[in-house]
């Protein structure tokens, strides 16, 4: 299971993840299929905040250490990702 697949599972669906990130379902589908689970660097921290999947899990090439990208200001929000606004 890729880290993106894990994030999708934790979000409840690719649609939920896309909606919360403000991107289209097609975008998430492309990350998963065309780019083999590699998400753009600028989406790593938002995905972490929404799902708790760490930057290291999502992009070990740019976050090589387990704690890279983590700080008090980047803690997962704990928000119910399925809550509809």
PDB file of N, CA and C in Angstrom:
ATOM      1  N   UNK A   1       0.850  -1.173   0.000  1.00  0.00           N
ATOM      2  CA  UNK A   1       0.000   0.000   0.000  1.00  0.00           C
ATOM      3  C   UNK A   1       0.897   1.237   0.000  1.00  0.00           C
ATOM      4  N   UNK A   2       0.651   2.145  -0.929  1.00  0.00           N
ATOM      5  CA  UNK A   2       1.422   3.388  -0.950  1.00  0.00           C
ATOM      6  C   UNK A   2       0.911   4.321   0.141  1.00  0.00           C
ATOM      7  N   UNK A   3       1.705   5.309   0.478  1.00  0.00           N
ATOM      8  CA  UNK A   3       1.293   6.298   1.470  1.00  0.00           C
ATOM      9  C   UNK A   3       0.058   7.054   0.988  1.00  0.00           C
ATOM     10  N   UNK A   4      -0.028   7.315  -0.308  1.00  0.00           N
ATOM     11  CA  UNK A   4      -1.212   7.997  -0.826  1.00  0.00           C
ATOM     12  C   UNK A   4      -2.443   7.117  -0.667  1.00  0.00           C
ATOM     13  N   UNK A   5      -2.320   5.831  -0.940  1.00  0.00           N
ATOM     14  CA  UNK A   5      -3.444   4.911  -0.749  1.00  0.00           C
ATOM     15  C   UNK A   5      -3.871   4.899   0.714  1.00  0.00           C
ATOM     16  N   UNK A   6      -2.904   4.932   1.613  1.00  0.00           N
ATOM     17  CA  UNK A   6      -3.197   4.998   3.047  1.00  0.00           C
ATOM     18  C   UNK A   6      -3.957   6.282   3.374  1.00  0.00           C
ATOM     19  N   UNK A   7      -3.518   7.411   2.819  1.00  0.00           N
ATOM     20  CA  UNK A   7      -4.187   8.692   3.055  1.00  0.00           C
ATOM     21  C   UNK A   7      -5.617   8.663   2.520  1.00  0.00           C
ATOM     22  N   UNK A   8      -5.798   8.086   1.343  1.00  0.00           N
ATOM     23  CA  UNK A   8      -7.139   7.969   0.758  1.00  0.00           C
ATOM     24  C   UNK A   8      -8.022   7.126   1.673  1.00  0.00           C
ATOM     25  N   UNK A   9      -7.494   6.025   2.154  1.00  0.00           N
ATOM     26  CA  UNK A   9      -8.248   5.156   3.060  1.00  0.00           C
ATOM     27  C   UNK A   9      -8.638   5.909   4.331  1.00  0.00           C
ATOM     28  N   UNK A  10      -7.696   6.636   4.917  1.00  0.00           N
ATOM     29  CA  UNK A  10      -7.968   7.390   6.140  1.00  0.00           C
ATOM     30  C   UNK A  10      -8.966   8.521   5.906  1.00  0.00           C
ATOM     31  N   UNK A  11      -8.960   9.075   4.701  1.00  0.00           N
ATOM     32  CA  UNK A  11      -9.906  10.141   4.358  1.00  0.00           C
ATOM     33  C   UNK A  11     -11.303   9.591   4.087  1.00  0.00           C
ATOM     34  N   UNK A  12     -11.397   8.303   3.886  1.00  0.00           N
ATOM     35  CA  UNK A  12     -12.689   7.692   3.594  1.00  0.00           C
ATOM     36  C   UNK A  12     -12.880   7.386   2.131  1.00  0.00           C
ATOM     37  N   UNK A  13     -12.266   8.201   1.286  1.00  0.00           N
ATOM     38  CA  UNK A  13     -12.327   7.984  -0.167  1.00  0.00           C
ATOM     39  C   UNK A  13     -11.425   9.003  -0.848  1.00  0.00           C
ATOM     40  N   UNK A  14     -11.122   8.728  -2.109  1.00  0.00           N
ATOM     41  CA  UNK A  14     -10.344   9.687  -2.901  1.00  0.00           C
ATOM     42  C   UNK A  14     -11.138  10.975  -3.075  1.00  0.00           C
ATOM     43  N   UNK A  15     -12.454  10.847  -3.194  1.00  0.00           N
ATOM     44  CA  UNK A  15     -13.315  12.027  -3.343  1.00  0.00           C
ATOM     45  C   UNK A  15     -13.220  12.919  -2.116  1.00  0.00           C
ATOM     46  N   UNK A  16     -13.278  12.324  -0.921  1.00  0.00           N
ATOM     47  CA  UNK A  16     -13.157  13.114   0.308  1.00  0.00           C
ATOM     48  C   UNK A  16     -11.802  13.803   0.390  1.00  0.00           C
ATOM     49  N   UNK A  17     -10.745  13.075   0.067  1.00  0.00           N
ATOM     50  CA  UNK A  17      -9.409  13.663   0.123  1.00  0.00           C
ATOM     51  C   UNK A  17      -9.299  14.817  -0.863  1.00  0.00           C
ATOM     52  N   UNK A  18      -9.761  14.613  -2.075  1.00  0.00           N
ATOM     53  CA  UNK A  18      -9.705  15.664  -3.097  1.00  0.00           C
ATOM     54  C   UNK A  18     -10.476  16.901  -2.643  1.00  0.00           C
ATOM     55  N   UNK A  19     -11.672  16.686  -2.128  1.00  0.00           N
ATOM     56  CA  UNK A  19     -12.514  17.810  -1.696  1.00  0.00           C
ATOM     57  C   UNK A  19     -11.826  18.608  -0.600  1.00  0.00           C
ATOM     58  N   UNK A  20     -11.257  17.913   0.379  1.00  0.00           N
ATOM     59  CA  UNK A  20     -10.614  18.605   1.494  1.00  0.00           C
ATOM     60  C   UNK A  20      -9.332  19.321   1.075  1.00  0.00           C
ATOM     61  N   UNK A  21      -8.685  18.827   0.022  1.00  0.00           N
ATOM     62  CA  UNK A  21      -7.472  19.477  -0.486  1.00  0.00           C
ATOM     63  C   UNK A  21      -7.783  20.575  -1.488  1.00  0.00           C
ATOM     64  N   UNK A  22      -9.037  20.626  -1.947  1.00  0.00           N
ATOM     65  CA  UNK A  22      -9.416  21.636  -2.936  1.00  0.00           C
ATOM     66  C   UNK A  22      -8.922  21.307  -4.331  1.00  0.00           C
ATOM     67  N   UNK A  23      -8.815  20.009  -4.626  1.00  0.00           N
ATOM     68  CA  UNK A  23      -8.406  19.574  -5.963  1.00  0.00           C
ATOM     69  C   UNK A  23      -9.488  18.656  -6.519  1.00  0.00           C
ATOM     70  N   UNK A  24      -9.389  18.353  -7.792  1.00  0.00           N
ATOM     71  CA  UNK A  24     -10.383  17.479  -8.416  1.00  0.00           C
ATOM     72  C   UNK A  24     -10.094  16.008  -8.103  1.00  0.00           C
ATOM     73  N   UNK A  25     -11.127  15.196  -8.253  1.00  0.00           N
ATOM     74  CA  UNK A  25     -10.951  13.747  -8.106  1.00  0.00           C
ATOM     75  C   UNK A  25      -9.920  13.243  -9.108  1.00  0.00           C
ATOM     76  N   UNK A  26      -9.942  13.811 -10.310  1.00  0.00           N
ATOM     77  CA  UNK A  26      -9.003  13.408 -11.358  1.00  0.00           C
ATOM     78  C   UNK A  26      -7.558  13.657 -10.921  1.00  0.00           C
ATOM     79  N   UNK A  27      -7.329  14.747 -10.219  1.00  0.00           N
ATOM     80  CA  UNK A  27      -5.982  15.061  -9.738  1.00  0.00           C
ATOM     81  C   UNK A  27      -5.483  13.971  -8.796  1.00  0.00           C
ATOM     82  N   UNK A  28      -6.303  13.593  -7.835  1.00  0.00           N
ATOM     83  CA  UNK A  28      -5.912  12.535  -6.898  1.00  0.00           C
ATOM     84  C   UNK A  28      -5.715  11.219  -7.646  1.00  0.00           C
ATOM     85  N   UNK A  29      -6.577  10.946  -8.608  1.00  0.00           N
ATOM     86  CA  UNK A  29      -6.447   9.734  -9.422  1.00  0.00           C
ATOM     87  C   UNK A  29      -5.126   9.722 -10.186  1.00  0.00           C
ATOM     88  N   UNK A  30      -4.739  10.872 -10.725  1.00  0.00           N
ATOM     89  CA  UNK A  30      -3.462  10.958 -11.441  1.00  0.00           C
ATOM     90  C   UNK A  30      -2.288  10.731 -10.496  1.00  0.00           C
ATOM     91  N   UNK A  31      -2.339  11.317  -9.306  1.00  0.00           N
ATOM     92  CA  UNK A  31      -1.267  11.080  -8.340  1.00  0.00           C
ATOM     93  C   UNK A  31      -1.149   9.591  -8.064  1.00  0.00           C
ATOM     94  N   UNK A  32      -2.281   8.936  -7.895  1.00  0.00           N
ATOM     95  CA  UNK A  32      -2.290   7.513  -7.536  1.00  0.00           C
ATOM     96  C   UNK A  32      -1.838   6.622  -8.688  1.00  0.00           C
ATOM     97  N   UNK A  33      -2.329   6.887  -9.880  1.00  0.00           N
ATOM     98  CA  UNK A  33      -2.085   5.989 -11.008  1.00  0.00           C
ATOM     99  C   UNK A  33      -0.939   6.431 -11.911  1.00  0.00           C
ATOM    100  N   UNK A  34      -1.043   7.606 -12.469  1.00  0.00           N
ATOM    101  CA  UNK A  34      -0.019   8.073 -13.408  1.00  0.00           C
ATOM    102  C   UNK A  34       1.324   8.294 -12.722  1.00  0.00           C
ATOM    103  N   UNK A  35       1.286   8.881 -11.521  1.00  0.00           N
ATOM    104  CA  UNK A  35       2.525   9.210 -10.821  1.00  0.00           C
ATOM    105  C   UNK A  35       2.870   8.196  -9.728  1.00  0.00           C
ATOM    106  N   UNK A  36       2.199   7.047  -9.745  1.00  0.00           N
ATOM    107  CA  UNK A  36       2.491   5.921  -8.844  1.00  0.00           C
ATOM    108  C   UNK A  36       2.523   6.306  -7.368  1.00  0.00           C
ATOM    109  N   UNK A  37       1.575   7.145  -6.960  1.00  0.00           N
ATOM    110  CA  UNK A  37       1.454   7.507  -5.553  1.00  0.00           C
ATOM    111  C   UNK A  37       2.306   8.669  -5.112  1.00  0.00           C
ATOM    112  N   UNK A  38       3.037   9.271  -6.041  1.00  0.00           N
ATOM    113  CA  UNK A  38       3.884  10.416  -5.680  1.00  0.00           C
ATOM    114  C   UNK A  38       3.055  11.689  -5.783  1.00  0.00           C
ATOM    115  N   UNK A  39       2.918  12.368  -4.649  1.00  0.00           N
ATOM    116  CA  UNK A  39       2.141  13.607  -4.621  1.00  0.00           C
ATOM    117  C   UNK A  39       3.081  14.800  -4.754  1.00  0.00           C
ATOM    118  N   UNK A  40       2.584  15.920  -5.280  1.00  0.00           N
ATOM    119  CA  UNK A  40       3.422  17.116  -5.379  1.00  0.00           C
ATOM    120  C   UNK A  40       3.887  17.572  -3.991  1.00  0.00           C
ATOM    121  N   UNK A  41       5.080  18.094  -3.927  1.00  0.00           N
ATOM    122  CA  UNK A  41       5.674  18.520  -2.656  1.00  0.00           C
ATOM    123  C   UNK A  41       4.769  19.471  -1.885  1.00  0.00           C
ATOM    124  N   UNK A  42       4.084  20.366  -2.592  1.00  0.00           N
ATOM    125  CA  UNK A  42       3.243  21.353  -1.913  1.00  0.00           C
ATOM    126  C   UNK A  42       1.980  20.749  -1.308  1.00  0.00           C
ATOM    127  N   UNK A  43       1.684  19.500  -1.609  1.00  0.00           N
ATOM    128  CA  UNK A  43       0.494  18.827  -1.060  1.00  0.00           C
ATOM    129  C   UNK A  43       0.832  17.903   0.109  1.00  0.00           C
ATOM    130  N   UNK A  44       2.109  17.687   0.380  1.00  0.00           N
ATOM    131  CA  UNK A  44       2.522  16.747   1.421  1.00  0.00           C
ATOM    132  C   UNK A  44       2.026  17.177   2.801  1.00  0.00           C
ATOM    133  N   UNK A  45       2.320  18.397   3.207  1.00  0.00           N
ATOM    134  CA  UNK A  45       1.925  18.865   4.542  1.00  0.00           C
ATOM    135  C   UNK A  45       0.404  18.934   4.671  1.00  0.00           C
ATOM    136  N   UNK A  46      -0.332  19.463   3.682  1.00  0.00           N
ATOM    137  CA  UNK A  46      -1.797  19.427   3.806  1.00  0.00           C
ATOM    138  C   UNK A  46      -2.359  18.008   3.959  1.00  0.00           C
ATOM    139  N   UNK A  47      -1.800  17.043   3.237  1.00  0.00           N
ATOM    140  CA  UNK A  47      -2.271  15.659   3.378  1.00  0.00           C
ATOM    141  C   UNK A  47      -1.951  15.143   4.777  1.00  0.00           C
ATOM    142  N   UNK A  48      -0.762  15.462   5.274  1.00  0.00           N
ATOM    143  CA  UNK A  48      -0.400  15.067   6.639  1.00  0.00           C
ATOM    144  C   UNK A  48      -1.376  15.664   7.648  1.00  0.00           C
ATOM    145  N   UNK A  49      -1.673  16.949   7.503  1.00  0.00           N
ATOM    146  CA  UNK A  49      -2.583  17.608   8.442  1.00  0.00           C
ATOM    147  C   UNK A  49      -3.974  16.985   8.415  1.00  0.00           C
ATOM    148  N   UNK A  50      -4.407  16.543   7.258  1.00  0.00           N
ATOM    149  CA  UNK A  50      -5.739  15.948   7.133  1.00  0.00           C
ATOM    150  C   UNK A  50      -5.803  14.494   7.583  1.00  0.00           C
ATOM    151  N   UNK A  51      -4.732  13.737   7.352  1.00  0.00           N
ATOM    152  CA  UNK A  51      -4.812  12.287   7.546  1.00  0.00           C
ATOM    153  C   UNK A  51      -3.838  11.727   8.569  1.00  0.00           C
ATOM    154  N   UNK A  52      -2.780  12.458   8.867  1.00  0.00           N
ATOM    155  CA  UNK A  52      -1.755  11.938   9.765  1.00  0.00           C
ATOM    156  C   UNK A  52      -0.692  11.100   9.066  1.00  0.00           C
ATOM    157  N   UNK A  53      -0.816  10.905   7.748  1.00  0.00           N
ATOM    158  CA  UNK A  53       0.219  10.203   6.987  1.00  0.00           C
ATOM    159  C   UNK A  53       1.405  11.165   6.890  1.00  0.00           C
ATOM    160  N   UNK A  54       2.546  10.751   7.407  1.00  0.00           N
ATOM    161  CA  UNK A  54       3.670  11.671   7.580  1.00  0.00           C
ATOM    162  C   UNK A  54       4.314  12.088   6.260  1.00  0.00           C
ATOM    163  N   UNK A  55       4.966  13.257   6.280  1.00  0.00           N
ATOM    164  CA  UNK A  55       5.710  13.683   5.097  1.00  0.00           C
ATOM    165  C   UNK A  55       6.732  12.635   4.652  1.00  0.00           C
ATOM    166  N   UNK A  56       7.392  11.994   5.611  1.00  0.00           N
ATOM    167  CA  UNK A  56       8.367  10.951   5.273  1.00  0.00           C
ATOM    168  C   UNK A  56       7.704   9.794   4.525  1.00  0.00           C
ATOM    169  N   UNK A  57       6.508   9.403   4.950  1.00  0.00           N
ATOM    170  CA  UNK A  57       5.799   8.320   4.260  1.00  0.00           C
ATOM    171  C   UNK A  57       5.405   8.739   2.844  1.00  0.00           C
ATOM    172  N   UNK A  58       4.935   9.989   2.721  1.00  0.00           N
ATOM    173  CA  UNK A  58       4.434  10.474   1.430  1.00  0.00           C
ATOM    174  C   UNK A  58       5.548  10.749   0.430  1.00  0.00           C
ATOM    175  N   UNK A  59       6.642  11.360   0.893  1.00  0.00           N
ATOM    176  CA  UNK A  59       7.731  11.740  -0.020  1.00  0.00           C
ATOM    177  C   UNK A  59       9.078  11.553   0.662  1.00  0.00           C
ATOM    178  N   UNK A  60       9.523  10.308   0.838  1.00  0.00           N
ATOM    179  CA  UNK A  60      10.820  10.093   1.486  1.00  0.00           C
ATOM    180  C   UNK A  60      11.987  10.696   0.715  1.00  0.00           C
ATOM    181  N   UNK A  61      11.781  10.998  -0.561  1.00  0.00           N
ATOM    182  CA  UNK A  61      12.852  11.623  -1.342  1.00  0.00           C
ATOM    183  C   UNK A  61      13.132  13.051  -0.895  1.00  0.00           C
ATOM    184  N   UNK A  62      12.116  13.757  -0.394  1.00  0.00           N
ATOM    185  CA  UNK A  62      12.341  15.133   0.077  1.00  0.00           C
ATOM    186  C   UNK A  62      12.233  15.258   1.596  1.00  0.00           C
ATOM    187  N   UNK A  63      11.723  14.228   2.256  1.00  0.00           N
ATOM    188  CA  UNK A  63      11.649  14.162   3.717  1.00  0.00           C
ATOM    189  C   UNK A  63      12.295  12.842   4.151  1.00  0.00           C
ATOM    190  N   UNK A  64      13.636  12.728   4.040  1.00  0.00           N
ATOM    191  CA  UNK A  64      14.300  11.439   4.250  1.00  0.00           C
ATOM    192  C   UNK A  64      14.282  10.922   5.694  1.00  0.00           C
ATOM    193  N   UNK A  65      14.144  11.803   6.665  1.00  0.00           N
ATOM    194  CA  UNK A  65      14.119  11.381   8.065  1.00  0.00           C
ATOM    195  C   UNK A  65      12.681  11.316   8.569  1.00  0.00           C
ATOM    196  N   UNK A  66      12.431  10.410   9.497  1.00  0.00           N
ATOM    197  CA  UNK A  66      11.068  10.190   9.986  1.00  0.00           C
ATOM    198  C   UNK A  66      10.384  11.455  10.484  1.00  0.00           C
ATOM    199  N   UNK A  67      11.130  12.353  11.102  1.00  0.00           N
ATOM    200  CA  UNK A  67      10.547  13.561  11.693  1.00  0.00           C
ATOM    201  C   UNK A  67      10.605  14.777  10.764  1.00  0.00           C
ATOM    202  N   UNK A  68      11.182  14.640   9.596  1.00  0.00           N
ATOM    203  CA  UNK A  68      11.265  15.769   8.660  1.00  0.00           C
ATOM    204  C   UNK A  68       9.866  16.256   8.301  1.00  0.00           C
ATOM    205  N   UNK A  69       9.721  17.571   8.282  1.00  0.00           N
ATOM    206  CA  UNK A  69       8.451  18.174   7.912  1.00  0.00           C
ATOM    207  C   UNK A  69       7.466  18.272   9.052  1.00  0.00           C
ATOM    208  N   UNK A  70       7.841  17.750  10.218  1.00  0.00           N
ATOM    209  CA  UNK A  70       6.946  17.772  11.369  1.00  0.00           C
ATOM    210  C   UNK A  70       7.371  18.863  12.337  1.00  0.00           C
ATOM    211  N   UNK A  71       6.415  19.599  12.821  1.00  0.00           N
ATOM    212  CA  UNK A  71       6.644  20.594  13.858  1.00  0.00           C
ATOM    213  C   UNK A  71       5.322  20.809  14.566  1.00  0.00           C
ATOM    214  N   UNK A  72       5.334  21.615  15.605  1.00  0.00           N
ATOM    215  CA  UNK A  72       4.093  21.889  16.333  1.00  0.00           C
ATOM    216  C   UNK A  72       3.024  22.470  15.423  1.00  0.00           C
ATOM    217  N   UNK A  73       3.447  23.267  14.439  1.00  0.00           N
ATOM    218  CA  UNK A  73       2.473  23.924  13.562  1.00  0.00           C
ATOM    219  C   UNK A  73       1.956  23.006  12.460  1.00  0.00           C
ATOM    220  N   UNK A  74       2.548  21.818  12.321  1.00  0.00           N
ATOM    221  CA  UNK A  74       2.081  20.912  11.270  1.00  0.00           C
ATOM    222  C   UNK A  74       1.407  19.668  11.831  1.00  0.00           C
ATOM    223  N   UNK A  75       1.030  19.698  13.102  1.00  0.00           N
ATOM    224  CA  UNK A  75       0.354  18.537  13.682  1.00  0.00           C
ATOM    225  C   UNK A  75      -0.959  18.284  12.961  1.00  0.00           C
ATOM    226  N   UNK A  76      -1.347  17.007  12.861  1.00  0.00           N
ATOM    227  CA  UNK A  76      -2.644  16.716  12.244  1.00  0.00           C
ATOM    228  C   UNK A  76      -3.740  17.471  12.975  1.00  0.00           C
ATOM    229  N   UNK A  77      -4.694  17.959  12.229  1.00  0.00           N
ATOM    230  CA  UNK A  77      -5.731  18.812  12.794  1.00  0.00           C
ATOM    231  C   UNK A  77      -6.689  18.064  13.696  1.00  0.00           C
ATOM    232  N   UNK A  78      -6.823  16.774  13.492  1.00  0.00           N
ATOM    233  CA  UNK A  78      -7.789  16.026  14.272  1.00  0.00           C
ATOM    234  C   UNK A  78      -9.213  16.303  13.838  1.00  0.00           C
ATOM    235  N   UNK A  79      -9.369  17.051  12.764  1.00  0.00           N
ATOM    236  CA  UNK A  79     -10.687  17.367  12.238  1.00  0.00           C
ATOM    237  C   UNK A  79     -11.265  16.122  11.600  1.00  0.00           C
ATOM    238  N   UNK A  80     -12.552  15.911  11.788  1.00  0.00           N
ATOM    239  CA  UNK A  80     -13.231  14.789  11.139  1.00  0.00           C
ATOM    240  C   UNK A  80     -13.250  15.060   9.650  1.00  0.00           C
ATOM    241  N   UNK A  81     -12.445  14.309   8.906  1.00  0.00           N
ATOM    242  CA  UNK A  81     -12.305  14.554   7.471  1.00  0.00           C
ATOM    243  C   UNK A  81     -13.601  14.311   6.716  1.00  0.00           C
ATOM    244  N   UNK A  82     -14.499  13.540   7.297  1.00  0.00           N
ATOM    245  CA  UNK A  82     -15.771  13.258   6.632  1.00  0.00           C
ATOM    246  C   UNK A  82     -16.832  14.312   6.914  1.00  0.00           C
ATOM    247  N   UNK A  83     -16.512  15.254   7.817  1.00  0.00           N
ATOM    248  CA  UNK A  83     -17.470  16.311   8.122  1.00  0.00           C
ATOM    249  C   UNK A  83     -17.683  17.179   6.893  1.00  0.00           C
ATOM    250  N   UNK A  84     -18.920  17.407   6.554  1.00  0.00           N
ATOM    251  CA  UNK A  84     -19.237  18.244   5.392  1.00  0.00           C
ATOM    252  C   UNK A  84     -19.444  19.678   5.858  1.00  0.00           C
ATOM    253  N   UNK A  85     -18.756  20.587   5.224  1.00  0.00           N
ATOM    254  CA  UNK A  85     -18.875  22.004   5.565  1.00  0.00           C
ATOM    255  C   UNK A  85     -19.901  22.665   4.699  1.00  0.00           C
TER     256      UNK A  85
END
